Amino acid sequence: MKLVVALGNPGDAYARTRHNVGWLVADHLARHLSARSAPDKFGAELAEARSGDERIWIMKPQTFMNHSGESVGPALKFWKLELEDLVVVHDDMELDPFRVQLKVGGGHGGHNGLKSINAHLGSPDYARVRVGVGRPPAKLDPADYVLGRFPRAEDAVVEGCVVVAAEAVRLTCELGAVKAMNQVNRRREPA
């Protein structure tokens, strides 16, 4: 069993923002795997799916980004999952826009959702599907940048990126992070 956690903020005000790209990936993955909605639990929306031989829970914490760990920690304990069973999908300002990269562990890079998860799990050693949103333009506050919506002119490239990231999540769940990295990190991103 795997737990896929997509980071984002609840509410229409945050829909399609850079900070909520993880939720776009989760929604695409759920549709692609014909996931069934499950009752909300752990302060999160849940859906259940299968991919290959793997049972997957797709989670969208409703706690707001800065408290994501409040959902993730109890879920891992409830299902008796280990860190290697966790895949977190999040936006990343350190990656070029629309670049997707898979990694295990490492720092939080100032991402408050990752900080919260690390604090609740006591470790950063879990798989992360990082979706690049790039750095903000000069003089724009990084918080305002990630909470800003993708321009409509970028809709097609956003959708292409979401497909690539959802496939990275699926491969990680089915193959494990190390094998999936060999495929995910050498792929070209959508143009």
N, C-alpha and C. Protein backbone atom coordinates (compact mmCIF):
# COMPACT_ATOMS: atom_id res chain seq x y z
N MET A 1 0.84 -1.18 0.00
CA MET A 1 0.00 0.00 0.00
C MET A 1 0.89 1.24 0.00
N LYS A 2 0.45 2.26 -0.75
CA LYS A 2 1.17 3.53 -0.83
C LYS A 2 0.23 4.67 -0.48
N LEU A 3 0.79 5.72 0.09
CA LEU A 3 0.05 6.93 0.37
C LEU A 3 0.65 8.06 -0.47
N VAL A 4 -0.16 8.62 -1.35
CA VAL A 4 0.24 9.75 -2.18
C VAL A 4 -0.39 10.99 -1.57
N VAL A 5 0.43 11.92 -1.17
CA VAL A 5 -0.05 13.15 -0.55
C VAL A 5 0.24 14.32 -1.49
N ALA A 6 -0.82 14.99 -1.91
CA ALA A 6 -0.69 16.15 -2.77
C ALA A 6 -0.86 17.40 -1.92
N LEU A 7 0.12 18.29 -1.97
CA LEU A 7 0.07 19.48 -1.15
C LEU A 7 -0.66 20.62 -1.86
N GLY A 8 -1.45 21.34 -1.07
CA GLY A 8 -2.22 22.46 -1.59
C GLY A 8 -3.02 23.10 -0.48
N ASN A 9 -3.81 24.08 -0.86
CA ASN A 9 -4.68 24.78 0.08
C ASN A 9 -6.12 24.62 -0.37
N PRO A 10 -7.06 24.42 0.58
CA PRO A 10 -8.47 24.28 0.21
C PRO A 10 -9.09 25.63 -0.14
N GLY A 11 -10.15 25.59 -0.94
CA GLY A 11 -10.91 26.79 -1.26
C GLY A 11 -10.69 27.27 -2.68
N ASP A 12 -11.72 27.88 -3.23
CA ASP A 12 -11.67 28.37 -4.62
C ASP A 12 -10.59 29.43 -4.83
N ALA A 13 -10.28 30.17 -3.80
CA ALA A 13 -9.27 31.23 -3.93
C ALA A 13 -7.90 30.67 -4.30
N TYR A 14 -7.67 29.40 -3.99
CA TYR A 14 -6.36 28.79 -4.24
C TYR A 14 -6.35 27.85 -5.45
N ALA A 15 -7.51 27.64 -6.05
CA ALA A 15 -7.59 26.70 -7.18
C ALA A 15 -6.69 27.18 -8.32
N ARG A 16 -5.97 26.26 -8.90
CA ARG A 16 -5.08 26.50 -10.04
C ARG A 16 -3.96 27.49 -9.75
N THR A 17 -3.61 27.64 -8.47
CA THR A 17 -2.43 28.44 -8.15
C THR A 17 -1.20 27.56 -8.24
N ARG A 18 -0.04 28.18 -8.32
CA ARG A 18 1.21 27.41 -8.38
C ARG A 18 1.36 26.51 -7.14
N HIS A 19 0.96 27.04 -5.99
CA HIS A 19 1.10 26.28 -4.74
C HIS A 19 0.19 25.05 -4.72
N ASN A 20 -0.84 25.02 -5.54
CA ASN A 20 -1.79 23.90 -5.56
C ASN A 20 -1.56 22.95 -6.72
N VAL A 21 -0.42 23.04 -7.37
CA VAL A 21 -0.18 22.16 -8.51
C VAL A 21 -0.21 20.70 -8.08
N GLY A 22 0.15 20.41 -6.84
CA GLY A 22 0.05 19.04 -6.33
C GLY A 22 -1.36 18.50 -6.40
N TRP A 23 -2.34 19.36 -6.13
CA TRP A 23 -3.74 18.92 -6.20
C TRP A 23 -4.16 18.65 -7.63
N LEU A 24 -3.64 19.43 -8.59
CA LEU A 24 -3.94 19.16 -9.99
C LEU A 24 -3.41 17.78 -10.37
N VAL A 25 -2.22 17.45 -9.88
CA VAL A 25 -1.62 16.14 -10.16
C VAL A 25 -2.47 15.04 -9.52
N ALA A 26 -2.88 15.24 -8.27
CA ALA A 26 -3.71 14.24 -7.58
C ALA A 26 -5.02 14.00 -8.31
N ASP A 27 -5.66 15.07 -8.75
CA ASP A 27 -6.93 14.93 -9.46
C ASP A 27 -6.75 14.17 -10.76
N HIS A 28 -5.67 14.47 -11.49
CA HIS A 28 -5.41 13.75 -12.75
C HIS A 28 -5.13 12.27 -12.45
N LEU A 29 -4.30 12.00 -11.46
CA LEU A 29 -3.98 10.62 -11.10
C LEU A 29 -5.24 9.86 -10.71
N ALA A 30 -6.10 10.48 -9.91
CA ALA A 30 -7.34 9.82 -9.48
C ALA A 30 -8.22 9.48 -10.69
N ARG A 31 -8.33 10.42 -11.63
CA ARG A 31 -9.13 10.13 -12.84
C ARG A 31 -8.49 9.02 -13.66
N HIS A 32 -7.17 9.10 -13.85
CA HIS A 32 -6.45 8.12 -14.67
C HIS A 32 -6.55 6.70 -14.09
N LEU A 33 -6.55 6.60 -12.76
CA LEU A 33 -6.61 5.29 -12.11
C LEU A 33 -8.03 4.89 -11.73
N SER A 34 -9.02 5.69 -12.15
CA SER A 34 -10.43 5.43 -11.80
C SER A 34 -10.58 5.25 -10.29
N ALA A 35 -9.99 6.16 -9.54
CA ALA A 35 -10.04 6.09 -8.07
C ALA A 35 -11.46 6.30 -7.58
N ARG A 36 -11.76 5.66 -6.46
CA ARG A 36 -13.05 5.82 -5.80
C ARG A 36 -12.88 6.77 -4.63
N SER A 37 -13.78 7.75 -4.55
CA SER A 37 -13.74 8.65 -3.40
C SER A 37 -14.02 7.86 -2.13
N ALA A 38 -13.35 8.25 -1.07
CA ALA A 38 -13.53 7.62 0.23
C ALA A 38 -13.95 8.70 1.21
N PRO A 39 -14.56 8.31 2.32
CA PRO A 39 -14.93 9.34 3.30
C PRO A 39 -13.70 10.11 3.78
N ASP A 40 -13.89 11.40 4.00
CA ASP A 40 -12.80 12.22 4.51
C ASP A 40 -12.33 11.67 5.85
N LYS A 41 -11.02 11.68 6.03
CA LYS A 41 -10.42 11.18 7.25
C LYS A 41 -9.09 11.90 7.42
N PHE A 42 -8.62 12.03 8.62
CA PHE A 42 -7.33 12.68 8.92
C PHE A 42 -7.32 14.14 8.49
N GLY A 43 -8.49 14.77 8.39
CA GLY A 43 -8.54 16.16 7.93
C GLY A 43 -8.16 16.28 6.48
N ALA A 44 -8.50 15.29 5.67
CA ALA A 44 -8.10 15.26 4.27
C ALA A 44 -9.17 14.62 3.40
N GLU A 45 -9.19 15.01 2.13
CA GLU A 45 -9.97 14.30 1.13
C GLU A 45 -9.17 13.07 0.72
N LEU A 46 -9.86 11.95 0.57
CA LEU A 46 -9.18 10.70 0.21
C LEU A 46 -9.85 10.04 -0.98
N ALA A 47 -9.05 9.37 -1.77
CA ALA A 47 -9.54 8.51 -2.85
C ALA A 47 -8.67 7.26 -2.85
N GLU A 48 -9.28 6.15 -3.23
CA GLU A 48 -8.57 4.87 -3.23
C GLU A 48 -8.49 4.34 -4.66
N ALA A 49 -7.33 3.82 -5.02
CA ALA A 49 -7.12 3.32 -6.38
C ALA A 49 -6.16 2.13 -6.34
N ARG A 50 -6.03 1.51 -7.49
CA ARG A 50 -5.02 0.47 -7.68
C ARG A 50 -4.20 0.83 -8.90
N SER A 51 -2.91 0.53 -8.81
CA SER A 51 -2.02 0.71 -9.95
C SER A 51 -1.09 -0.49 -9.96
N GLY A 52 -1.22 -1.31 -10.98
CA GLY A 52 -0.49 -2.57 -10.98
C GLY A 52 -0.98 -3.39 -9.80
N ASP A 53 -0.05 -3.90 -9.01
CA ASP A 53 -0.40 -4.68 -7.82
C ASP A 53 -0.53 -3.81 -6.57
N GLU A 54 -0.37 -2.52 -6.73
CA GLU A 54 -0.28 -1.64 -5.57
C GLU A 54 -1.62 -0.95 -5.26
N ARG A 55 -2.02 -1.01 -4.01
CA ARG A 55 -3.17 -0.23 -3.53
C ARG A 55 -2.64 1.15 -3.17
N ILE A 56 -3.35 2.19 -3.62
CA ILE A 56 -2.89 3.57 -3.43
C ILE A 56 -4.00 4.41 -2.81
N TRP A 57 -3.65 5.12 -1.76
CA TRP A 57 -4.53 6.14 -1.19
C TRP A 57 -4.01 7.49 -1.68
N ILE A 58 -4.89 8.29 -2.27
CA ILE A 58 -4.55 9.62 -2.74
C ILE A 58 -5.16 10.61 -1.75
N MET A 59 -4.31 11.43 -1.15
CA MET A 59 -4.73 12.34 -0.09
C MET A 59 -4.50 13.79 -0.48
N LYS A 60 -5.52 14.62 -0.22
CA LYS A 60 -5.40 16.07 -0.36
C LYS A 60 -5.72 16.67 1.02
N PRO A 61 -4.69 16.95 1.84
CA PRO A 61 -4.96 17.53 3.16
C PRO A 61 -5.76 18.83 3.05
N GLN A 62 -6.73 18.99 3.94
CA GLN A 62 -7.58 20.18 3.96
C GLN A 62 -7.18 21.12 5.10
N THR A 63 -5.99 20.91 5.63
CA THR A 63 -5.50 21.64 6.80
C THR A 63 -4.81 22.95 6.45
N PHE A 64 -4.74 23.29 5.21
CA PHE A 64 -3.91 24.36 4.67
C PHE A 64 -2.45 23.89 4.68
N MET A 65 -1.71 24.42 3.73
CA MET A 65 -0.35 23.96 3.45
C MET A 65 0.52 23.85 4.70
N ASN A 66 0.51 24.88 5.53
CA ASN A 66 1.44 24.94 6.66
C ASN A 66 1.19 23.88 7.72
N HIS A 67 0.08 23.16 7.63
CA HIS A 67 -0.26 22.14 8.62
C HIS A 67 -0.48 20.77 7.96
N SER A 68 0.08 20.55 6.81
CA SER A 68 -0.12 19.30 6.07
C SER A 68 0.27 18.08 6.88
N GLY A 69 1.29 18.20 7.69
CA GLY A 69 1.75 17.07 8.50
C GLY A 69 0.71 16.55 9.46
N GLU A 70 -0.26 17.41 9.84
CA GLU A 70 -1.32 16.98 10.74
C GLU A 70 -2.20 15.91 10.12
N SER A 71 -2.25 15.85 8.81
CA SER A 71 -2.98 14.79 8.10
C SER A 71 -2.08 13.60 7.81
N VAL A 72 -0.86 13.88 7.40
CA VAL A 72 0.04 12.82 6.93
C VAL A 72 0.49 11.91 8.07
N GLY A 73 0.91 12.49 9.18
CA GLY A 73 1.40 11.68 10.30
C GLY A 73 0.38 10.66 10.78
N PRO A 74 -0.85 11.07 11.11
CA PRO A 74 -1.85 10.10 11.56
C PRO A 74 -2.21 9.04 10.51
N ALA A 75 -2.21 9.43 9.23
CA ALA A 75 -2.53 8.46 8.17
C ALA A 75 -1.47 7.36 8.10
N LEU A 76 -0.19 7.75 8.14
CA LEU A 76 0.88 6.74 8.11
C LEU A 76 0.75 5.79 9.30
N LYS A 77 0.48 6.34 10.47
CA LYS A 77 0.33 5.49 11.66
C LYS A 77 -0.86 4.57 11.56
N PHE A 78 -1.99 5.11 11.10
CA PHE A 78 -3.22 4.32 11.00
C PHE A 78 -3.03 3.12 10.07
N TRP A 79 -2.41 3.36 8.90
CA TRP A 79 -2.22 2.29 7.93
C TRP A 79 -0.92 1.51 8.15
N LYS A 80 -0.19 1.87 9.21
CA LYS A 80 1.09 1.20 9.53
C LYS A 80 2.04 1.21 8.33
N LEU A 81 2.17 2.38 7.72
CA LEU A 81 3.05 2.54 6.57
C LEU A 81 4.40 3.10 7.00
N GLU A 82 5.40 2.78 6.22
CA GLU A 82 6.76 3.28 6.45
C GLU A 82 7.00 4.48 5.55
N LEU A 83 8.11 5.18 5.79
CA LEU A 83 8.43 6.35 4.97
C LEU A 83 8.55 6.00 3.49
N GLU A 84 9.04 4.79 3.18
CA GLU A 84 9.18 4.41 1.77
C GLU A 84 7.84 4.17 1.09
N ASP A 85 6.75 4.17 1.86
CA ASP A 85 5.41 4.01 1.28
C ASP A 85 4.74 5.35 1.00
N LEU A 86 5.44 6.44 1.27
CA LEU A 86 4.88 7.79 1.13
C LEU A 86 5.46 8.48 -0.10
N VAL A 87 4.58 9.11 -0.88
CA VAL A 87 4.99 9.93 -2.03
C VAL A 87 4.28 11.27 -1.88
N VAL A 88 5.05 12.35 -1.78
CA VAL A 88 4.49 13.69 -1.63
C VAL A 88 4.69 14.45 -2.94
N VAL A 89 3.63 15.10 -3.42
CA VAL A 89 3.68 15.89 -4.65
C VAL A 89 3.55 17.35 -4.28
N HIS A 90 4.49 18.18 -4.72
CA HIS A 90 4.47 19.58 -4.32
C HIS A 90 5.10 20.49 -5.37
N ASP A 91 4.77 21.77 -5.27
CA ASP A 91 5.39 22.79 -6.11
C ASP A 91 6.79 23.06 -5.60
N ASP A 92 7.67 23.49 -6.50
CA ASP A 92 9.06 23.75 -6.11
C ASP A 92 9.60 24.94 -6.89
N MET A 93 9.92 26.00 -6.16
CA MET A 93 10.46 27.21 -6.80
C MET A 93 11.89 27.04 -7.27
N GLU A 94 12.59 26.02 -6.79
CA GLU A 94 13.99 25.81 -7.18
C GLU A 94 14.12 25.11 -8.53
N LEU A 95 13.02 24.60 -9.06
CA LEU A 95 13.04 23.96 -10.38
C LEU A 95 12.45 24.90 -11.42
N ASP A 96 12.98 24.82 -12.63
CA ASP A 96 12.43 25.61 -13.72
C ASP A 96 10.94 25.29 -13.88
N PRO A 97 10.17 26.27 -14.35
CA PRO A 97 8.74 26.02 -14.54
C PRO A 97 8.48 24.78 -15.38
N PHE A 98 7.57 23.95 -14.87
CA PHE A 98 7.06 22.75 -15.56
C PHE A 98 8.07 21.61 -15.65
N ARG A 99 9.17 21.72 -14.95
CA ARG A 99 10.10 20.59 -14.86
C ARG A 99 9.64 19.69 -13.72
N VAL A 100 9.66 18.39 -13.93
CA VAL A 100 9.25 17.42 -12.91
C VAL A 100 10.48 16.62 -12.52
N GLN A 101 10.69 16.48 -11.23
CA GLN A 101 11.84 15.73 -10.74
C GLN A 101 11.42 14.91 -9.53
N LEU A 102 11.95 13.72 -9.43
CA LEU A 102 11.69 12.83 -8.30
C LEU A 102 12.95 12.75 -7.45
N LYS A 103 12.77 12.87 -6.14
CA LYS A 103 13.90 12.70 -5.24
C LYS A 103 13.40 12.10 -3.94
N VAL A 104 14.34 11.59 -3.17
CA VAL A 104 14.04 11.06 -1.84
C VAL A 104 14.85 11.86 -0.84
N GLY A 105 14.16 12.37 0.19
CA GLY A 105 14.82 13.09 1.26
C GLY A 105 15.31 14.45 0.82
N GLY A 106 16.16 15.03 1.66
CA GLY A 106 16.70 16.36 1.38
C GLY A 106 15.99 17.41 2.21
N GLY A 107 16.38 18.64 1.98
CA GLY A 107 15.82 19.76 2.73
C GLY A 107 14.42 20.12 2.26
N HIS A 108 13.82 21.06 2.98
CA HIS A 108 12.47 21.50 2.63
C HIS A 108 12.48 22.71 1.71
N GLY A 109 13.63 23.35 1.54
CA GLY A 109 13.75 24.49 0.63
C GLY A 109 12.81 25.63 0.97
N GLY A 110 12.43 25.76 2.22
CA GLY A 110 11.52 26.82 2.63
C GLY A 110 10.05 26.51 2.40
N HIS A 111 9.75 25.31 1.90
CA HIS A 111 8.36 24.92 1.62
C HIS A 111 7.67 24.55 2.93
N ASN A 112 6.66 25.32 3.31
CA ASN A 112 6.02 25.11 4.60
C ASN A 112 5.27 23.79 4.71
N GLY A 113 4.76 23.28 3.61
CA GLY A 113 4.10 21.98 3.64
C GLY A 113 5.09 20.87 3.97
N LEU A 114 6.26 20.92 3.35
CA LEU A 114 7.29 19.93 3.65
C LEU A 114 7.80 20.09 5.08
N LYS A 115 7.96 21.33 5.54
CA LYS A 115 8.38 21.55 6.93
C LYS A 115 7.43 20.87 7.89
N SER A 116 6.14 21.03 7.66
CA SER A 116 5.13 20.44 8.54
C SER A 116 5.19 18.92 8.51
N ILE A 117 5.30 18.36 7.31
CA ILE A 117 5.37 16.89 7.20
C ILE A 117 6.62 16.37 7.90
N ASN A 118 7.76 17.01 7.65
CA ASN A 118 9.01 16.59 8.30
C ASN A 118 8.88 16.63 9.81
N ALA A 119 8.26 17.68 10.33
CA ALA A 119 8.10 17.80 11.79
C ALA A 119 7.22 16.69 12.35
N HIS A 120 6.16 16.34 11.64
CA HIS A 120 5.24 15.31 12.14
C HIS A 120 5.79 13.90 11.96
N LEU A 121 6.65 13.71 10.96
CA LEU A 121 7.21 12.38 10.72
C LEU A 121 8.56 12.19 11.40
N GLY A 122 9.20 13.28 11.75
CA GLY A 122 10.52 13.20 12.36
C GLY A 122 11.62 12.87 11.38
N SER A 123 11.32 12.96 10.08
CA SER A 123 12.31 12.61 9.06
C SER A 123 11.89 13.21 7.72
N PRO A 124 12.87 13.59 6.89
CA PRO A 124 12.57 14.04 5.53
C PRO A 124 12.74 12.93 4.49
N ASP A 125 12.94 11.71 4.93
CA ASP A 125 13.34 10.63 4.02
C ASP A 125 12.17 9.90 3.39
N TYR A 126 11.46 10.61 2.53
CA TYR A 126 10.34 10.04 1.77
C TYR A 126 10.45 10.57 0.34
N ALA A 127 9.75 9.91 -0.58
CA ALA A 127 9.80 10.31 -1.99
C ALA A 127 9.00 11.58 -2.22
N ARG A 128 9.55 12.43 -3.09
CA ARG A 128 8.90 13.69 -3.45
C ARG A 128 8.88 13.84 -4.95
N VAL A 129 7.71 14.08 -5.48
CA VAL A 129 7.59 14.46 -6.89
C VAL A 129 7.48 15.97 -6.89
N ARG A 130 8.56 16.60 -7.35
CA ARG A 130 8.69 18.05 -7.33
C ARG A 130 8.24 18.60 -8.68
N VAL A 131 7.34 19.57 -8.64
CA VAL A 131 6.83 20.19 -9.86
C VAL A 131 7.34 21.63 -9.88
N GLY A 132 8.18 21.93 -10.83
CA GLY A 132 8.80 23.24 -10.90
C GLY A 132 7.82 24.35 -11.24
N VAL A 133 7.93 25.43 -10.48
CA VAL A 133 7.15 26.65 -10.77
C VAL A 133 8.07 27.84 -11.01
N GLY A 134 9.36 27.65 -10.83
CA GLY A 134 10.33 28.71 -11.07
C GLY A 134 10.34 29.77 -9.98
N ARG A 135 11.30 30.67 -10.10
CA ARG A 135 11.45 31.75 -9.12
C ARG A 135 10.54 32.92 -9.51
N PRO A 136 10.11 33.69 -8.52
CA PRO A 136 9.27 34.85 -8.83
C PRO A 136 10.09 35.94 -9.51
N PRO A 137 9.41 36.79 -10.28
CA PRO A 137 10.12 37.94 -10.86
C PRO A 137 10.66 38.83 -9.74
N ALA A 138 11.67 39.63 -10.07
CA ALA A 138 12.26 40.54 -9.08
C ALA A 138 11.17 41.40 -8.44
N LYS A 139 11.33 41.64 -7.16
CA LYS A 139 10.45 42.50 -6.36
C LYS A 139 9.08 41.88 -6.07
N LEU A 140 8.81 40.65 -6.51
CA LEU A 140 7.55 39.99 -6.18
C LEU A 140 7.79 39.04 -5.02
N ASP A 141 7.02 39.18 -3.97
CA ASP A 141 7.14 38.32 -2.80
C ASP A 141 6.94 36.86 -3.20
N PRO A 142 7.83 35.95 -2.79
CA PRO A 142 7.67 34.54 -3.15
C PRO A 142 6.31 33.96 -2.74
N ALA A 143 5.78 34.37 -1.59
CA ALA A 143 4.47 33.87 -1.15
C ALA A 143 3.38 34.32 -2.13
N ASP A 144 3.44 35.57 -2.56
CA ASP A 144 2.45 36.06 -3.53
C ASP A 144 2.59 35.33 -4.86
N TYR A 145 3.83 35.01 -5.22
CA TYR A 145 4.07 34.31 -6.48
C TYR A 145 3.45 32.91 -6.47
N VAL A 146 3.73 32.12 -5.43
CA VAL A 146 3.21 30.75 -5.42
C VAL A 146 1.70 30.73 -5.21
N LEU A 147 1.15 31.76 -4.59
CA LEU A 147 -0.30 31.83 -4.41
C LEU A 147 -1.00 32.47 -5.61
N GLY A 148 -0.21 32.84 -6.62
CA GLY A 148 -0.78 33.37 -7.86
C GLY A 148 -1.16 32.23 -8.79
N ARG A 149 -2.14 32.51 -9.62
CA ARG A 149 -2.62 31.50 -10.58
C ARG A 149 -1.69 31.42 -11.79
N PHE A 150 -1.64 30.24 -12.40
CA PHE A 150 -0.94 30.11 -13.66
C PHE A 150 -1.66 30.97 -14.70
N PRO A 151 -0.92 31.69 -15.55
CA PRO A 151 -1.57 32.46 -16.61
C PRO A 151 -2.33 31.51 -17.55
N ARG A 152 -3.50 31.95 -18.02
CA ARG A 152 -4.32 31.12 -18.93
C ARG A 152 -3.54 30.72 -20.18
N ALA A 153 -2.62 31.56 -20.61
CA ALA A 153 -1.83 31.25 -21.80
C ALA A 153 -0.97 30.00 -21.59
N GLU A 154 -0.76 29.61 -20.33
CA GLU A 154 0.06 28.43 -20.03
C GLU A 154 -0.78 27.18 -19.75
N ASP A 155 -2.09 27.24 -19.98
CA ASP A 155 -2.96 26.10 -19.65
C ASP A 155 -2.46 24.78 -20.26
N ALA A 156 -2.10 24.81 -21.53
CA ALA A 156 -1.69 23.57 -22.20
C ALA A 156 -0.42 23.01 -21.59
N VAL A 157 0.56 23.87 -21.29
CA VAL A 157 1.80 23.37 -20.72
C VAL A 157 1.60 22.92 -19.27
N VAL A 158 0.70 23.59 -18.54
CA VAL A 158 0.37 23.14 -17.18
C VAL A 158 -0.21 21.73 -17.24
N GLU A 159 -1.16 21.51 -18.15
CA GLU A 159 -1.78 20.19 -18.26
C GLU A 159 -0.75 19.13 -18.65
N GLY A 160 0.14 19.46 -19.57
CA GLY A 160 1.19 18.52 -19.94
C GLY A 160 2.09 18.17 -18.77
N CYS A 161 2.44 19.17 -17.98
CA CYS A 161 3.27 18.97 -16.79
C CYS A 161 2.56 18.09 -15.77
N VAL A 162 1.26 18.32 -15.58
CA VAL A 162 0.46 17.53 -14.64
C VAL A 162 0.46 16.06 -15.06
N VAL A 163 0.34 15.79 -16.34
CA VAL A 163 0.36 14.41 -16.84
C VAL A 163 1.71 13.76 -16.54
N VAL A 164 2.80 14.48 -16.79
CA VAL A 164 4.15 13.96 -16.52
C VAL A 164 4.32 13.68 -15.02
N ALA A 165 3.86 14.60 -14.18
CA ALA A 165 4.01 14.43 -12.73
C ALA A 165 3.16 13.27 -12.21
N ALA A 166 1.95 13.12 -12.74
CA ALA A 166 1.09 12.00 -12.33
C ALA A 166 1.73 10.67 -12.71
N GLU A 167 2.35 10.62 -13.87
CA GLU A 167 3.04 9.40 -14.29
C GLU A 167 4.24 9.13 -13.38
N ALA A 168 4.93 10.18 -12.95
CA ALA A 168 6.04 10.02 -12.01
C ALA A 168 5.55 9.42 -10.70
N VAL A 169 4.39 9.88 -10.23
CA VAL A 169 3.81 9.34 -9.00
C VAL A 169 3.47 7.86 -9.19
N ARG A 170 2.82 7.55 -10.31
CA ARG A 170 2.43 6.15 -10.57
C ARG A 170 3.65 5.24 -10.62
N LEU A 171 4.69 5.67 -11.32
CA LEU A 171 5.91 4.86 -11.41
C LEU A 171 6.55 4.67 -10.04
N THR A 172 6.54 5.71 -9.22
CA THR A 172 7.12 5.62 -7.88
C THR A 172 6.35 4.61 -7.04
N CYS A 173 5.03 4.64 -7.14
CA CYS A 173 4.22 3.68 -6.38
C CYS A 173 4.45 2.25 -6.84
N GLU A 174 4.55 2.06 -8.13
CA GLU A 174 4.68 0.70 -8.67
C GLU A 174 6.10 0.14 -8.59
N LEU A 175 7.11 0.97 -8.87
CA LEU A 175 8.49 0.48 -8.99
C LEU A 175 9.35 0.77 -7.77
N GLY A 176 8.93 1.72 -6.95
CA GLY A 176 9.78 2.22 -5.88
C GLY A 176 10.54 3.43 -6.39
N ALA A 177 10.96 4.28 -5.47
CA ALA A 177 11.56 5.56 -5.84
C ALA A 177 12.85 5.42 -6.63
N VAL A 178 13.72 4.50 -6.23
CA VAL A 178 15.03 4.40 -6.89
C VAL A 178 14.88 4.02 -8.36
N LYS A 179 14.08 3.00 -8.65
CA LYS A 179 13.88 2.60 -10.04
C LYS A 179 13.12 3.67 -10.82
N ALA A 180 12.14 4.28 -10.18
CA ALA A 180 11.36 5.31 -10.87
C ALA A 180 12.22 6.51 -11.22
N MET A 181 13.17 6.88 -10.35
CA MET A 181 14.05 8.02 -10.62
C MET A 181 14.78 7.87 -11.93
N ASN A 182 15.21 6.65 -12.25
CA ASN A 182 15.94 6.41 -13.50
C ASN A 182 15.10 6.79 -14.71
N GLN A 183 13.78 6.61 -14.61
CA GLN A 183 12.91 6.96 -15.73
C GLN A 183 12.45 8.41 -15.66
N VAL A 184 12.06 8.86 -14.49
CA VAL A 184 11.46 10.19 -14.33
C VAL A 184 12.47 11.30 -14.56
N ASN A 185 13.63 11.20 -13.95
CA ASN A 185 14.57 12.32 -13.96
C ASN A 185 15.32 12.49 -15.26
N ARG A 186 15.24 11.54 -16.17
CA ARG A 186 15.92 11.72 -17.46
C ARG A 186 14.96 12.12 -18.56
N ARG A 187 13.65 12.14 -18.25
CA ARG A 187 12.66 12.51 -19.26
C ARG A 187 12.73 13.99 -19.56
N ARG A 188 12.39 14.31 -20.78
CA ARG A 188 12.24 15.72 -21.16
C ARG A 188 10.87 16.17 -20.70
N GLU A 189 10.78 17.38 -20.25
CA GLU A 189 9.50 17.93 -19.77
C GLU A 189 8.69 18.43 -20.95
N PRO A 190 7.39 18.63 -20.74
CA PRO A 190 6.57 19.14 -21.83
C PRO A 190 7.06 20.51 -22.30
N ALA A 191 6.98 20.74 -23.60
CA ALA A 191 7.45 22.02 -24.16
C ALA A 191 6.44 23.12 -23.91
